[in-house]
Protein backbone atom coordinates (compact mmCIF):
# COMPACT_ATOMS: atom_id res chain seq x y z
CA UNK A 1 46.76 75.69 153.21
CA UNK A 2 50.12 77.66 153.07
CA UNK A 3 52.41 76.16 149.99
CA UNK A 4 55.25 77.87 151.70
CA UNK A 5 56.07 76.76 155.45
CA UNK A 6 59.29 78.44 156.70
CA UNK A 7 60.37 78.68 160.43
CA UNK A 8 61.08 82.43 162.54
CA UNK A 9 64.57 82.25 162.06
CA UNK A 10 65.49 80.66 159.21
CA UNK A 11 67.44 82.05 156.09
CA UNK A 12 64.53 82.52 153.52
CA UNK A 13 62.91 85.93 153.40
CA UNK A 14 59.55 87.05 151.36
CA UNK A 15 59.22 90.70 151.46
CA UNK A 16 57.59 93.17 149.42
CA UNK A 17 57.03 90.89 146.75
CA UNK A 18 60.71 90.22 146.80
CA UNK A 19 62.43 87.02 147.89
CA UNK A 20 65.77 86.90 150.18
CA UNK A 21 68.39 84.16 150.61
CA UNK A 22 70.35 84.94 153.30
CA UNK A 23 69.15 88.54 152.85
CA UNK A 24 66.47 90.32 155.70
CA UNK A 25 65.79 92.92 153.62
CA UNK A 26 65.85 91.65 150.00
CA UNK A 27 65.99 94.55 147.29
CA UNK A 28 65.84 92.53 143.85
CA UNK A 29 63.20 90.61 142.77
CA UNK A 30 65.65 87.43 144.01
CA UNK A 31 68.53 89.20 146.58
CA UNK A 32 71.14 86.76 147.66
CA UNK A 33 73.75 87.15 150.16
CA UNK A 34 76.20 84.63 151.22
CA UNK A 35 79.32 83.01 149.42
CA UNK A 36 78.50 79.08 149.56
CA UNK A 37 75.87 79.03 146.62
CA UNK A 38 75.31 76.01 144.26
CA UNK A 39 73.45 75.56 141.13
CA UNK A 40 73.25 72.42 138.86
CA UNK A 41 72.61 72.60 134.92
CA UNK A 42 71.40 76.06 135.59
CA UNK A 43 70.36 77.69 132.01
CA UNK A 44 71.48 81.30 131.80
CA UNK A 45 70.16 83.50 128.92
CA UNK A 46 71.76 86.94 130.33
CA UNK A 47 74.80 88.49 131.93
CA UNK A 48 74.69 88.82 135.60
CA UNK A 49 77.18 89.87 137.90
CA UNK A 50 76.73 86.36 139.82
CA UNK A 51 78.71 84.97 137.27
CA UNK A 52 82.01 84.96 139.02
CA UNK A 53 80.30 82.87 142.05
CA UNK A 54 82.15 79.63 142.25
CA UNK A 55 79.58 77.01 141.09
CA UNK A 56 76.94 79.08 140.08
CA UNK A 57 77.50 78.68 136.29
CA UNK A 58 77.39 75.43 134.76
CA UNK A 59 80.81 74.56 132.95
CA UNK A 60 79.38 75.42 129.32
CA UNK A 61 77.20 78.77 129.93
CA UNK A 62 75.16 78.20 126.96
CA UNK A 63 73.10 81.21 125.09
CA UNK A 64 70.46 80.69 123.75
CA UNK A 65 68.57 83.97 122.75
CA UNK A 66 70.20 87.22 121.50
CA UNK A 67 72.13 88.85 123.61
CA UNK A 68 74.30 92.04 123.92
CA UNK A 69 77.27 92.56 126.13
CA UNK A 70 77.79 96.14 126.39
CA UNK A 71 78.35 97.28 129.91
CA UNK A 72 81.81 96.76 131.11
CA UNK A 73 80.58 97.31 134.81
CA UNK A 74 78.31 94.14 134.69
CA UNK A 75 79.26 92.30 131.69
CA UNK A 76 81.03 89.30 132.67
CA UNK A 77 81.98 85.81 130.98
CA UNK A 78 83.16 82.79 132.60
CA UNK A 79 84.04 79.42 131.39
CA UNK A 80 83.62 78.50 128.05
CA UNK A 81 80.16 80.32 126.14
CA UNK A 82 78.50 78.22 123.43
CA UNK A 83 76.13 80.19 121.33
CA UNK A 84 73.39 78.17 120.14
CA UNK A 85 72.42 78.21 116.24
CA UNK A 86 70.67 81.42 114.78
CA UNK A 87 71.87 83.33 117.76
CA UNK A 88 73.25 87.10 117.51
CA UNK A 89 75.83 87.80 120.44
CA UNK A 90 76.92 91.57 119.99
CA UNK A 91 80.38 92.21 122.19
CA UNK A 92 80.13 96.19 122.66
CA UNK A 93 82.83 95.99 125.37
CA UNK A 94 83.47 93.11 127.08
CA UNK A 95 86.48 91.97 129.19
CA UNK A 96 88.99 89.17 127.62
CA UNK A 97 89.85 85.77 129.35
CA UNK A 98 88.09 82.97 128.51
CA UNK A 99 86.57 81.16 125.52
CA UNK A 100 83.86 81.64 123.47
CA UNK A 101 82.56 79.00 120.99
CA UNK A 102 79.43 78.39 118.76
CA UNK A 103 77.19 78.47 115.86
CA UNK A 104 75.45 81.55 116.30
CA UNK A 105 76.91 85.27 114.58
CA UNK A 106 79.29 87.42 116.76
CA UNK A 107 79.43 91.43 116.29
CA UNK A 108 82.14 93.64 117.56
CA UNK A 109 80.89 97.32 117.58
CA UNK A 110 83.95 98.74 119.56
CA UNK A 111 87.69 98.26 120.32
CA UNK A 112 88.30 95.47 123.12
CA UNK A 113 90.56 96.77 125.39
CA UNK A 114 92.08 94.67 127.90
CA UNK A 115 93.47 97.54 129.89
CA UNK A 116 89.57 98.61 131.01
CA UNK A 117 88.18 95.75 132.21
CA UNK A 118 85.73 95.59 135.12
CA UNK A 119 84.33 92.40 135.17
CA UNK A 120 82.60 90.48 138.18
CA UNK A 121 84.55 87.59 139.61
CA UNK A 122 87.86 89.17 137.47
CA UNK A 123 86.40 86.75 134.47
CA UNK A 124 87.89 87.57 131.00
CA UNK A 125 87.79 86.61 127.43
CA UNK A 126 91.20 85.58 125.92
CA UNK A 127 90.20 83.07 122.85
CA UNK A 128 87.16 83.72 120.28
CA UNK A 129 85.99 80.69 118.47
CA UNK A 130 83.39 81.10 116.42
CA UNK A 131 81.90 77.90 114.28
CA UNK A 132 79.54 80.04 111.90
CA UNK A 133 80.38 84.20 111.42
CA UNK A 134 82.73 86.60 113.00
CA UNK A 135 82.03 90.02 112.17
CA UNK A 136 84.94 92.70 113.06
CA UNK A 137 84.92 96.29 113.52
CA UNK A 138 84.46 98.07 110.12
CA UNK A 139 83.98 101.64 108.22
CA UNK A 140 85.83 103.30 105.44
CA UNK A 141 90.06 104.49 105.52
CA UNK A 142 89.25 107.55 108.04
CA UNK A 143 87.57 105.39 110.23
CA UNK A 144 90.53 102.72 111.10
CA UNK A 145 91.06 102.33 114.83
CA UNK A 146 92.97 104.97 116.22
CA UNK A 147 95.33 103.19 118.25
CA UNK A 148 95.14 99.70 117.22
CA UNK A 149 97.47 96.94 118.53
CA UNK A 150 99.32 94.54 116.70
CA UNK A 151 96.86 91.79 115.02
CA UNK A 152 93.80 94.01 115.13
CA UNK A 153 91.16 92.88 112.62
CA UNK A 154 89.62 95.41 110.56
CA UNK A 155 87.06 95.56 107.38
CA UNK A 156 87.51 98.23 105.05
CA UNK A 157 84.84 99.59 103.07
CA UNK A 158 86.89 101.20 100.60
CA UNK A 159 89.04 98.10 99.58
CA UNK A 160 85.76 96.07 100.36
CA UNK A 161 88.23 93.78 102.57
CA UNK A 162 89.66 92.64 105.82
CA UNK A 163 92.64 94.82 107.11
CA UNK A 164 95.15 93.75 109.67
CA UNK A 165 97.64 96.08 111.87
CA UNK A 166 100.82 94.69 111.63
CA UNK A 167 102.60 97.15 113.83
CA UNK A 168 103.58 99.59 111.43
CA UNK A 169 100.31 99.87 109.64
CA UNK A 170 97.14 98.44 108.02
CA UNK A 171 97.74 95.31 105.38
CA UNK A 172 94.84 93.50 103.35
CA UNK A 173 94.73 89.96 104.47
CA UNK A 174 94.85 88.17 101.29
CA UNK A 175 95.68 84.49 101.13
CA UNK A 176 95.02 83.88 97.22
CA UNK A 177 97.57 81.38 96.00
CA UNK A 178 99.91 83.55 93.43
CA UNK A 179 101.55 82.04 90.71
CA UNK A 180 104.52 83.59 90.52
CA UNK A 181 103.73 85.02 87.17
CA UNK A 182 105.44 88.05 85.39
CA UNK A 183 104.52 90.01 82.57
CA UNK A 184 106.71 92.55 80.60
CA UNK A 185 105.89 94.78 77.64
CA UNK A 186 105.60 98.28 75.94
CA UNK A 187 109.45 98.49 75.46
CA UNK A 188 111.76 98.70 72.56
CA UNK A 189 114.42 97.52 70.52
CA UNK A 190 115.49 100.12 70.65
CA UNK A 191 112.66 101.96 68.68
CA UNK A 192 110.48 99.38 67.48
CA UNK A 193 107.61 98.40 69.97
CA UNK A 194 107.81 94.52 71.26
CA UNK A 195 105.34 92.69 72.36
CA UNK A 196 103.98 91.42 75.84
CA UNK A 197 106.08 88.17 77.06
CA UNK A 198 105.72 86.55 80.09
CA UNK A 199 107.48 83.98 82.22
CA UNK A 200 107.38 82.46 85.81
CA UNK A 201 109.63 83.87 88.31
CA UNK A 202 110.01 80.83 90.31
CA UNK A 203 111.62 78.68 87.35
CA UNK A 204 114.21 79.37 85.22
CA UNK A 205 113.24 79.30 81.35
CA UNK A 206 112.20 81.76 78.55
CA UNK A 207 109.74 83.95 77.90
CA UNK A 208 106.89 83.34 76.09
CA UNK A 209 104.55 85.58 73.78
CA UNK A 210 101.84 87.24 75.85
CA UNK A 211 99.92 89.62 73.13
CA UNK A 212 99.91 92.62 71.58
CA UNK A 213 99.55 96.49 73.13
CA UNK A 214 96.70 98.38 72.00
CA UNK A 215 98.35 100.88 69.90
CA UNK A 216 101.64 101.20 67.71
CA UNK A 217 103.58 103.32 70.32
CA UNK A 218 106.29 101.98 71.93
CA UNK A 219 108.97 102.33 74.96
CA UNK A 220 109.34 103.94 78.41
CA UNK A 221 105.89 102.73 79.59
CA UNK A 222 105.85 102.04 83.33
CA UNK A 223 103.54 99.13 84.73
CA UNK A 224 101.78 98.33 87.95
CA UNK A 225 99.44 95.66 89.22
CA UNK A 226 97.02 94.30 91.74
CA UNK A 227 97.99 90.66 91.23
CA UNK A 228 95.06 90.24 88.80
CA UNK A 229 95.53 93.09 86.09
CA UNK A 230 98.86 94.56 85.07
CA UNK A 231 98.49 97.82 83.63
CA UNK A 232 101.14 100.18 81.27
CA UNK A 233 100.81 103.79 81.31
CA UNK A 234 102.23 106.77 79.33
CA UNK A 235 105.03 106.96 76.53
CA UNK A 236 107.63 108.12 74.98
CA UNK A 237 106.02 108.42 71.32
CA UNK A 238 104.13 111.78 71.34
CA UNK A 239 104.32 111.95 74.63
CA UNK A 240 100.92 109.82 74.95
CA UNK A 241 98.85 109.49 78.13
CA UNK A 242 97.00 106.09 77.30
CA UNK A 243 96.56 103.43 80.18
CA UNK A 244 96.39 99.76 78.43
CA UNK A 245 95.98 96.53 80.91
CA UNK A 246 96.21 92.87 80.58
CA UNK A 247 94.99 90.11 83.01
CA UNK A 248 97.79 88.34 83.90
CA UNK A 249 96.61 84.77 84.19
CA UNK A 250 95.85 84.93 80.77
CA UNK A 251 97.11 85.60 77.72
CA UNK A 252 95.92 88.10 75.43
CA UNK A 253 96.23 91.36 73.61
CA UNK A 254 96.35 94.57 75.84
CA UNK A 255 92.89 96.90 76.54
CA UNK A 256 92.26 100.78 76.77
CA UNK A 257 91.91 101.52 80.61
CA UNK A 258 91.66 105.34 80.25
CA UNK A 259 94.63 107.92 80.30
CA UNK A 260 96.88 109.72 82.28
CA UNK A 261 96.14 113.19 83.41
CA UNK A 262 98.96 114.26 81.54
CA UNK A 263 101.06 112.37 78.72
CA UNK A 264 104.68 111.61 79.62
CA UNK A 265 107.15 109.14 79.55
CA UNK A 266 110.10 107.41 81.51
CA UNK A 267 108.07 107.62 84.99
CA UNK A 268 107.60 105.58 87.74
CA UNK A 269 105.17 103.30 89.17
CA UNK A 270 104.10 101.58 92.45
CA UNK A 271 100.94 99.87 93.58
CA UNK A 272 99.02 97.99 96.42
CA UNK A 273 96.22 95.00 95.65
CA UNK A 274 93.75 97.98 94.79
CA UNK A 275 95.72 100.93 93.57
CA UNK A 276 97.74 101.55 91.43
CA UNK A 277 100.15 104.60 91.06
CA UNK A 278 102.16 106.55 88.01
CA UNK A 279 104.27 109.55 88.77
CA UNK A 280 107.52 111.54 87.62
CA UNK A 281 108.89 111.09 84.11
CA UNK A 282 109.95 113.98 81.23
CA UNK A 283 107.05 116.02 80.70
CA UNK A 284 105.42 116.71 77.10
CA UNK A 285 105.12 120.77 77.66
CA UNK A 286 108.25 121.43 77.25
CA UNK A 287 109.81 118.46 76.38
CA UNK A 288 113.17 118.97 78.51
CA UNK A 289 111.62 119.16 81.99
CA UNK A 290 110.51 116.51 84.26
CA UNK A 291 107.24 116.29 85.94
CA UNK A 292 106.45 116.03 89.71
CA UNK A 293 102.37 114.92 89.09
CA UNK A 294 101.55 111.72 90.70
CA UNK A 295 98.53 110.18 89.22
CA UNK A 296 96.09 107.26 90.29
CA UNK A 297 93.35 104.32 89.28
CA UNK A 298 91.63 101.92 91.18
CA UNK A 299 93.03 98.99 89.37
CA UNK A 300 89.69 96.55 89.02
CA UNK A 301 87.76 99.73 87.32
CA UNK A 302 88.16 101.27 84.08
CA UNK A 303 88.94 105.20 83.77
CA UNK A 304 90.83 108.30 83.37
CA UNK A 305 93.50 108.38 86.19
CA UNK A 306 93.02 111.10 88.80
CA UNK A 307 95.49 113.57 90.71
CA UNK A 308 96.93 112.16 94.05
CA UNK A 309 99.30 114.70 94.85
CA UNK A 310 102.81 115.81 94.03
CA UNK A 311 106.18 114.59 93.98
CA UNK A 312 108.77 116.22 96.93
CA UNK A 313 111.50 116.67 93.93
CA UNK A 314 111.11 115.81 90.45
CA UNK A 315 112.56 113.05 88.87
CA UNK A 316 112.45 110.28 86.29
CA UNK A 317 112.41 106.46 85.49
CA UNK A 318 112.54 104.12 87.69
CA UNK A 319 111.06 100.77 86.28
CA UNK A 320 108.96 97.96 88.84
CA UNK A 321 107.05 98.00 91.52
CA UNK A 322 108.09 99.34 94.52
CA UNK A 323 105.83 99.14 97.33
CA UNK A 324 105.25 97.96 100.83
CA UNK A 325 101.20 97.08 100.06
CA UNK A 326 100.95 100.61 102.66
CA UNK A 327 103.78 102.70 101.33
CA UNK A 328 104.86 103.28 97.70
CA UNK A 329 108.32 104.72 96.55
CA UNK A 330 109.82 106.55 93.55
CA UNK A 331 112.98 106.57 93.00
CA UNK A 332 115.46 109.52 92.26
CA UNK A 333 115.92 109.60 88.54
CA UNK A 334 118.67 111.06 85.72
CA UNK A 335 116.18 113.81 83.53
CA UNK A 336 116.84 116.53 83.25
CA UNK A 337 119.82 116.12 86.01
CA UNK A 338 120.48 113.04 88.10
CA UNK A 339 119.39 112.96 91.61
CA UNK A 340 119.46 110.02 94.39
CA UNK A 341 116.23 111.16 96.57
CA UNK A 342 113.33 108.46 97.03
CA UNK A 343 109.93 109.92 97.47
CA UNK A 344 107.59 108.19 99.33
CA UNK A 345 103.51 108.02 99.38
CA UNK A 346 100.91 106.04 101.36
CA UNK A 347 99.31 104.65 98.69
CA UNK A 348 95.70 104.10 100.22
CA UNK A 349 95.49 108.10 100.92
CA UNK A 350 96.13 111.18 98.31
CA UNK A 351 98.78 113.63 98.99
CA UNK A 352 102.23 114.66 98.46
CA UNK A 353 105.10 112.56 98.98
CA UNK A 354 107.82 112.85 101.56
CA UNK A 355 111.57 112.50 101.17
CA UNK A 356 112.66 108.93 102.51
CA UNK A 357 115.90 108.93 101.75
CA UNK A 358 118.85 108.83 99.28
CA UNK A 359 120.20 106.11 97.24
CA UNK A 360 124.15 105.66 97.29
CA UNK A 361 124.43 106.38 93.47
CA UNK A 362 123.09 109.28 91.20
CA UNK A 363 121.06 107.57 88.17
CA UNK A 364 118.22 107.28 86.16
CA UNK A 365 116.25 104.38 83.96
CA UNK A 366 116.67 102.13 86.82
CA UNK A 367 114.85 98.61 87.61
CA UNK A 368 113.28 98.08 90.86
CA UNK A 369 110.76 95.24 92.92
CA UNK A 370 110.04 94.39 96.51
CA UNK A 371 108.91 91.99 98.77
CA UNK A 372 106.16 93.42 101.13
CA UNK A 373 109.49 94.61 103.45
CA UNK A 374 112.49 95.12 101.28
CA UNK A 375 113.04 97.32 98.26
CA UNK A 376 115.49 96.73 95.74
CA UNK A 377 116.73 99.10 93.19
CA UNK A 378 119.31 98.42 90.32
CA UNK A 379 121.07 99.19 87.05
CA UNK A 380 120.74 102.72 85.76
CA UNK A 381 122.28 105.41 84.40
CA UNK A 382 123.72 108.28 85.41
CA UNK A 383 123.24 110.93 82.77
CA UNK A 384 122.24 110.18 79.29
CA UNK A 385 124.16 108.87 77.38
CA UNK A 386 126.36 108.06 80.31
CA UNK A 387 127.86 104.12 80.66
CA UNK A 388 125.06 101.83 82.59
CA UNK A 389 125.74 100.66 85.90
CA UNK A 390 125.43 97.18 87.64
CA UNK A 391 124.93 98.83 91.18
CA UNK A 392 122.06 97.86 93.30
CA UNK A 393 120.66 99.45 96.48
CA UNK A 394 118.30 98.39 99.15
CA UNK A 395 116.34 99.76 101.70
CA UNK A 396 113.51 98.41 104.64
CA UNK A 397 110.12 99.98 103.62
CA UNK A 398 108.89 100.33 106.66
CA UNK A 399 112.45 102.18 108.12
CA UNK A 400 113.52 105.67 108.16
CA UNK A 401 115.12 105.79 104.82
CA UNK A 402 118.31 103.91 105.53
CA UNK A 403 119.68 102.70 102.26
CA UNK A 404 122.68 100.13 102.10
CA UNK A 405 124.74 98.70 98.59
CA UNK A 406 123.38 95.65 97.80
CA UNK A 407 125.72 93.94 95.21
CA UNK A 408 125.98 93.85 91.42
CA UNK A 409 124.34 92.89 88.30
CA UNK A 410 125.53 90.25 86.02
CA UNK A 411 125.60 92.65 83.20
CA UNK A 412 125.46 96.58 84.01
CA UNK A 413 122.44 98.22 82.22
CA UNK A 414 119.81 100.54 82.10
CA UNK A 415 116.16 100.90 81.58
CA UNK A 416 115.48 96.88 82.68
CA UNK A 417 112.48 95.87 83.53
CA UNK A 418 111.72 94.80 87.10
CA UNK A 419 109.22 92.03 88.88
CA UNK A 420 109.39 89.95 91.66
CA UNK A 421 107.34 87.26 94.35
CA UNK A 422 107.99 88.02 98.15
CA UNK A 423 111.17 86.05 98.21
CA UNK A 424 112.75 86.46 94.38
CA UNK A 425 113.25 89.78 92.17
CA UNK A 426 114.01 89.55 88.35
CA UNK A 427 115.57 92.29 85.93
CA UNK A 428 114.76 91.57 82.66
CA UNK A 429 116.13 93.12 79.52
CA UNK A 430 117.43 96.58 79.52
CA UNK A 431 120.17 98.41 77.63
CA UNK A 432 123.83 97.08 77.05
CA UNK A 433 126.82 99.80 77.58
CA UNK A 434 127.92 101.87 74.94
CA UNK A 435 125.66 100.95 71.84
CA UNK A 436 122.48 100.73 73.86
CA UNK A 437 121.41 97.46 72.15
CA UNK A 438 118.04 95.49 73.79
CA UNK A 439 119.07 92.95 76.01
CA UNK A 440 117.56 89.41 76.20
CA UNK A 441 119.13 88.59 79.95
CA UNK A 442 117.13 88.04 83.00
CA UNK A 443 118.96 88.13 86.23
CA UNK A 444 118.15 87.17 89.80
CA UNK A 445 117.89 88.18 93.02
CA UNK A 446 117.03 86.51 96.19
CA UNK A 447 115.74 89.66 97.94
CA UNK A 448 116.66 88.26 101.24
CA UNK A 449 120.01 87.68 100.62
CA UNK A 450 123.20 89.50 100.29
CA UNK A 451 122.18 90.67 96.63
CA UNK A 452 124.34 89.10 94.63
CA UNK A 453 122.76 88.13 91.15
CA UNK A 454 122.56 85.27 88.83
CA UNK A 455 122.02 85.00 85.20
CA UNK A 456 118.48 83.49 85.62
CA UNK A 457 116.47 83.01 82.56
CA UNK A 458 115.96 84.54 79.17
CA UNK A 459 113.46 87.09 77.26
CA UNK A 460 112.36 85.77 74.15
CA UNK A 461 112.49 89.04 72.57
CA UNK A 462 115.40 91.73 73.65
CA UNK A 463 113.80 94.29 75.40
CA UNK A 464 114.71 97.75 76.99
CA UNK A 465 112.78 100.65 78.15
CA UNK A 466 109.70 98.14 78.89
CA UNK A 467 107.55 97.76 81.87
CA UNK A 468 107.52 94.96 84.12
CA UNK A 469 105.25 93.29 86.86
CA UNK A 470 104.02 90.25 88.84
CA UNK A 471 100.97 88.70 89.90
CA UNK A 472 102.92 88.46 93.26
CA UNK A 473 104.99 91.73 94.01
CA UNK A 474 105.54 93.36 97.50
CA UNK A 475 102.85 95.18 97.61
CA UNK A 476 99.82 92.32 97.36
CA UNK A 477 98.08 91.42 100.12
CA UNK A 478 98.37 90.94 103.87
CA UNK A 479 100.74 87.47 104.00
């Protein structure tokens, strides 16, 4: 007896081993024609052009097997997508418009672009909720997406960290809690090496002893750091090329790191969460000339510095880390002749500096610090042994180089150490007017304010020509 009974004119057709519902000549294994179709509690294990039909899918689209969404002409998701535990969903190109949740893992291989959507039923994914793992696009620095949108994520193999695009550039995601500790050292009083000392930028108080340097050579060493280590490089004694480091979270003596490509003193430094740079300074051969060399190291390694590129113009001496995390800045200096130019580099890539703009005053031996947005430069002297200044300048690091005056320090000085959190910057020590005596005063400035400095703390040992760095400066992390 036949297992299927049908009338002559009904809408169910079996032809050439294909089933048609509402289709007199079925073209697929199941060919359905008509809009009034309903299905209850259907298990959907793939993606179909039928997903856009009203009522065809259950409210929660459950994916129970590994699947790849790869064809934008047929791939479509509708409703809330629930992915079973242990199931892998690979999204190569798919529309964006509803919600995806689940315990499985997701891999996005290509850029998702809402301007290139072709989906059945106009279904889109607007939100992606993942209960287990989510893997964003990945590659090295040179493989970053060509035209990223603000908020786009990327895993950078070079830095071993997640990055996001903030509309201006790629920032490393870093939500580690920072203590606000600043460390100063490798300076003189004025010609005797002083120990490392530390204080907390968030609170008033007096600095405390941290540790000693690796050698007895003194002053004019500039510092940079990644939030974990602080590095000091170069000094005026025989124009040495020594780099040493400390671990900022714990007190202790410095440890040898390696060497600069060339010995010099009174240069500038900057850093991101991974890379530290030194530039400029007074070259040892001859000792009357300024250097245009930029060196760099990977801060979590040990070893000698490598050549990064050259400055746009030769300059000397601006202490403190001035960085947005993407861009690094070296301020105009005062030896052998004063200038007010600002050199800018992109820290993640090697190359020569470009001209960013000009400070409002000519001076070398300045202090400096930054949030991730604004740089602040202060103090200095025009030409040695000219009278120190109390002037400050500020600029937005993502801008085209517009510099404005930013108020005054409490005491005119040159060669203070600079350090900051993303909110507050401090100038520690420096040389006083007239006799060059090292100072113990610590000025504080709220970076987003009008620039008015206040007498904030005190060094336990007066310091000048020293370098300063913090575990929370503007070059660290994404937020």
